Each structure stands twice: as structure tokens, then as C-alpha cells.
N, C-alpha and C. Protein backbone atom coordinates (compact mmCIF):
# COMPACT_ATOMS: atom_id res chain seq x y z
N MET A 1 73.50 -5.62 -55.89
CA MET A 1 74.20 -5.33 -57.12
C MET A 1 74.62 -3.86 -57.12
N VAL A 2 75.81 -3.58 -57.62
CA VAL A 2 76.33 -2.22 -57.69
C VAL A 2 75.90 -1.59 -59.02
N HIS A 3 75.35 -0.40 -58.92
CA HIS A 3 74.93 0.37 -60.10
C HIS A 3 75.71 1.68 -60.13
N ASN A 4 75.63 2.38 -61.25
CA ASN A 4 76.32 3.66 -61.30
C ASN A 4 75.53 4.70 -62.09
N ASN A 5 75.88 5.94 -61.83
CA ASN A 5 75.30 7.10 -62.52
C ASN A 5 76.35 7.76 -63.41
N VAL A 6 77.36 7.04 -63.81
CA VAL A 6 78.47 7.63 -64.55
C VAL A 6 77.98 8.24 -65.87
N LYS A 7 77.17 7.51 -66.62
CA LYS A 7 76.70 8.04 -67.90
C LYS A 7 75.90 9.32 -67.70
N GLU A 8 75.00 9.30 -66.74
CA GLU A 8 74.18 10.49 -66.45
C GLU A 8 75.05 11.69 -66.10
N LYS A 9 76.01 11.48 -65.22
CA LYS A 9 76.89 12.58 -64.79
C LYS A 9 77.79 13.04 -65.95
N ARG A 10 78.25 12.10 -66.77
CA ARG A 10 79.08 12.45 -67.94
C ARG A 10 78.30 13.33 -68.90
N LEU A 11 77.06 12.93 -69.17
CA LEU A 11 76.23 13.71 -70.10
C LEU A 11 75.91 15.10 -69.54
N GLN A 12 75.70 15.18 -68.24
CA GLN A 12 75.45 16.48 -67.61
C GLN A 12 76.63 17.43 -67.80
N LYS A 13 77.83 16.88 -67.82
CA LYS A 13 79.04 17.70 -68.01
C LYS A 13 79.37 17.92 -69.48
N GLY A 14 78.64 17.24 -70.37
CA GLY A 14 78.83 17.46 -71.81
C GLY A 14 79.97 16.68 -72.43
N TYR A 15 80.45 15.63 -71.76
CA TYR A 15 81.52 14.80 -72.30
C TYR A 15 80.96 13.64 -73.12
N THR A 16 81.67 13.27 -74.17
CA THR A 16 81.39 12.00 -74.84
C THR A 16 82.14 10.91 -74.07
N GLN A 17 81.80 9.66 -74.35
CA GLN A 17 82.54 8.56 -73.72
C GLN A 17 84.01 8.65 -74.09
N GLU A 18 84.28 8.97 -75.34
CA GLU A 18 85.66 9.03 -75.82
C GLU A 18 86.45 10.13 -75.12
N GLN A 19 85.81 11.29 -74.93
CA GLN A 19 86.49 12.40 -74.25
C GLN A 19 86.81 12.05 -72.81
N LEU A 20 85.84 11.47 -72.12
CA LEU A 20 86.07 11.13 -70.72
C LEU A 20 87.11 10.03 -70.59
N ALA A 21 87.06 9.05 -71.48
CA ALA A 21 88.07 7.99 -71.47
C ALA A 21 89.47 8.57 -71.64
N GLN A 22 89.59 9.52 -72.55
CA GLN A 22 90.91 10.14 -72.79
C GLN A 22 91.38 10.90 -71.55
N ILE A 23 90.49 11.65 -70.93
CA ILE A 23 90.84 12.40 -69.71
C ILE A 23 91.29 11.44 -68.61
N LEU A 24 90.61 10.29 -68.50
CA LEU A 24 90.92 9.32 -67.45
C LEU A 24 92.09 8.42 -67.81
N ASN A 25 92.54 8.52 -69.06
CA ASN A 25 93.64 7.69 -69.55
C ASN A 25 93.28 6.21 -69.52
N ILE A 26 92.05 5.92 -70.00
CA ILE A 26 91.59 4.54 -70.12
C ILE A 26 91.07 4.35 -71.55
N SER A 27 90.85 3.12 -71.94
CA SER A 27 90.34 2.86 -73.29
C SER A 27 88.85 3.20 -73.38
N ASN A 28 88.41 3.44 -74.60
CA ASN A 28 86.98 3.68 -74.82
C ASN A 28 86.17 2.47 -74.37
N ARG A 29 86.69 1.29 -74.63
CA ARG A 29 86.01 0.05 -74.26
C ARG A 29 85.84 -0.05 -72.74
N THR A 30 86.87 0.32 -72.00
CA THR A 30 86.78 0.31 -70.54
C THR A 30 85.73 1.30 -70.07
N MET A 31 85.67 2.47 -70.70
CA MET A 31 84.66 3.46 -70.36
C MET A 31 83.26 2.91 -70.61
N GLN A 32 83.08 2.22 -71.72
CA GLN A 32 81.79 1.60 -72.03
C GLN A 32 81.40 0.58 -70.96
N HIS A 33 82.38 -0.21 -70.55
CA HIS A 33 82.12 -1.24 -69.53
C HIS A 33 81.81 -0.63 -68.17
N ILE A 34 82.48 0.45 -67.84
CA ILE A 34 82.19 1.13 -66.56
C ILE A 34 80.74 1.60 -66.55
N GLU A 35 80.33 2.26 -67.63
CA GLU A 35 78.95 2.76 -67.69
C GLU A 35 77.93 1.64 -67.69
N ALA A 36 78.27 0.52 -68.32
CA ALA A 36 77.35 -0.62 -68.37
C ALA A 36 77.33 -1.41 -67.06
N GLY A 37 78.28 -1.12 -66.17
CA GLY A 37 78.35 -1.83 -64.90
C GLY A 37 78.97 -3.20 -65.02
N THR A 38 79.72 -3.44 -66.10
CA THR A 38 80.34 -4.74 -66.30
C THR A 38 81.85 -4.71 -66.07
N HIS A 39 82.33 -3.66 -65.43
CA HIS A 39 83.77 -3.51 -65.17
C HIS A 39 83.97 -3.28 -63.68
N ASN A 40 84.85 -4.02 -63.08
CA ASN A 40 85.20 -3.80 -61.67
C ASN A 40 86.19 -2.63 -61.62
N THR A 41 85.66 -1.46 -61.45
CA THR A 41 86.44 -0.23 -61.51
C THR A 41 87.32 -0.09 -60.28
N ASN A 42 88.59 0.18 -60.50
CA ASN A 42 89.50 0.34 -59.36
C ASN A 42 89.34 1.72 -58.74
N ILE A 43 89.82 1.86 -57.54
CA ILE A 43 89.63 3.10 -56.78
C ILE A 43 90.30 4.29 -57.46
N GLU A 44 91.40 4.08 -58.15
CA GLU A 44 92.07 5.18 -58.85
C GLU A 44 91.15 5.80 -59.90
N ILE A 45 90.48 4.96 -60.68
CA ILE A 45 89.56 5.46 -61.69
C ILE A 45 88.34 6.11 -61.04
N VAL A 46 87.83 5.51 -59.98
CA VAL A 46 86.69 6.09 -59.27
C VAL A 46 87.02 7.49 -58.77
N LEU A 47 88.19 7.66 -58.19
CA LEU A 47 88.58 8.98 -57.67
C LEU A 47 88.78 9.98 -58.81
N LYS A 48 89.31 9.53 -59.94
CA LYS A 48 89.45 10.42 -61.10
C LYS A 48 88.08 10.83 -61.63
N LEU A 49 87.16 9.86 -61.71
CA LEU A 49 85.80 10.18 -62.15
C LEU A 49 85.16 11.22 -61.23
N LYS A 50 85.32 11.01 -59.95
CA LYS A 50 84.77 11.93 -58.96
C LYS A 50 85.30 13.35 -59.18
N LYS A 51 86.58 13.46 -59.42
CA LYS A 51 87.21 14.77 -59.62
C LYS A 51 86.78 15.40 -60.94
N VAL A 52 86.90 14.65 -62.03
CA VAL A 52 86.60 15.19 -63.36
C VAL A 52 85.13 15.58 -63.49
N LEU A 53 84.25 14.77 -62.92
CA LEU A 53 82.82 15.04 -63.02
C LEU A 53 82.31 15.96 -61.91
N ASN A 54 83.24 16.40 -61.05
CA ASN A 54 82.92 17.32 -59.96
C ASN A 54 81.81 16.75 -59.06
N ILE A 55 82.02 15.52 -58.62
CA ILE A 55 81.07 14.83 -57.76
C ILE A 55 81.54 14.94 -56.31
N GLU A 56 80.63 15.30 -55.43
CA GLU A 56 81.00 15.49 -54.03
C GLU A 56 81.26 14.17 -53.31
N LYS A 57 80.35 13.20 -53.49
CA LYS A 57 80.48 11.92 -52.79
C LYS A 57 80.50 10.78 -53.80
N ILE A 58 81.32 9.78 -53.54
CA ILE A 58 81.39 8.61 -54.41
C ILE A 58 80.02 7.95 -54.53
N GLU A 59 79.24 8.02 -53.47
CA GLU A 59 77.90 7.42 -53.47
C GLU A 59 76.99 8.06 -54.52
N ASP A 60 77.35 9.26 -54.99
CA ASP A 60 76.57 9.90 -56.05
C ASP A 60 76.89 9.30 -57.42
N LEU A 61 77.97 8.52 -57.50
CA LEU A 61 78.35 7.84 -58.74
C LEU A 61 78.00 6.35 -58.70
N PHE A 62 78.29 5.71 -57.60
CA PHE A 62 78.10 4.26 -57.45
C PHE A 62 77.23 3.98 -56.24
N TYR A 63 76.28 3.06 -56.39
CA TYR A 63 75.39 2.74 -55.28
C TYR A 63 74.98 1.28 -55.36
N ILE A 64 74.56 0.75 -54.23
CA ILE A 64 74.16 -0.65 -54.14
C ILE A 64 72.63 -0.73 -54.11
N ASP A 65 72.11 -1.59 -54.96
CA ASP A 65 70.66 -1.82 -55.01
C ASP A 65 70.35 -3.03 -54.16
N ASN A 66 69.56 -2.84 -53.14
CA ASN A 66 69.22 -3.95 -52.24
C ASN A 66 68.11 -4.77 -52.77
């Protein structure tokens, strides 16, 4: 199963869900689903998240639980 650290990284940067959604040009609902792990996030959004949250590796945001 794929998990993510998006909420943790967002909070570390001091963004609300609404602020980050606006920066990414996505709906608040989509942002909620990304953090909950119930949205199949496309690579464009993943790369934007990586840039906005200043993440070095995508694996620091999304990981697979064996």
C-alpha cells in the first residue's frame, strides 16, 4: 500500500490544506484526499508538491508499506 507524508511536510512548512491546494491549483477536497491517501495523485502534482515543500526525493513524500 502507498502511504504519504504530505500532511507532515505541509505542517512543517506552516501551510494549511487550503493554502497548499491554492498553490498547487487543486481543490481543497483533492488536497484532503491526497493527504488521506485516497487519491491517485498524478506526477504533475507530485512534482509540484516536491518543489513547494522543498523535498529532495519523492520517496520522502510517498512510500510503499510492505
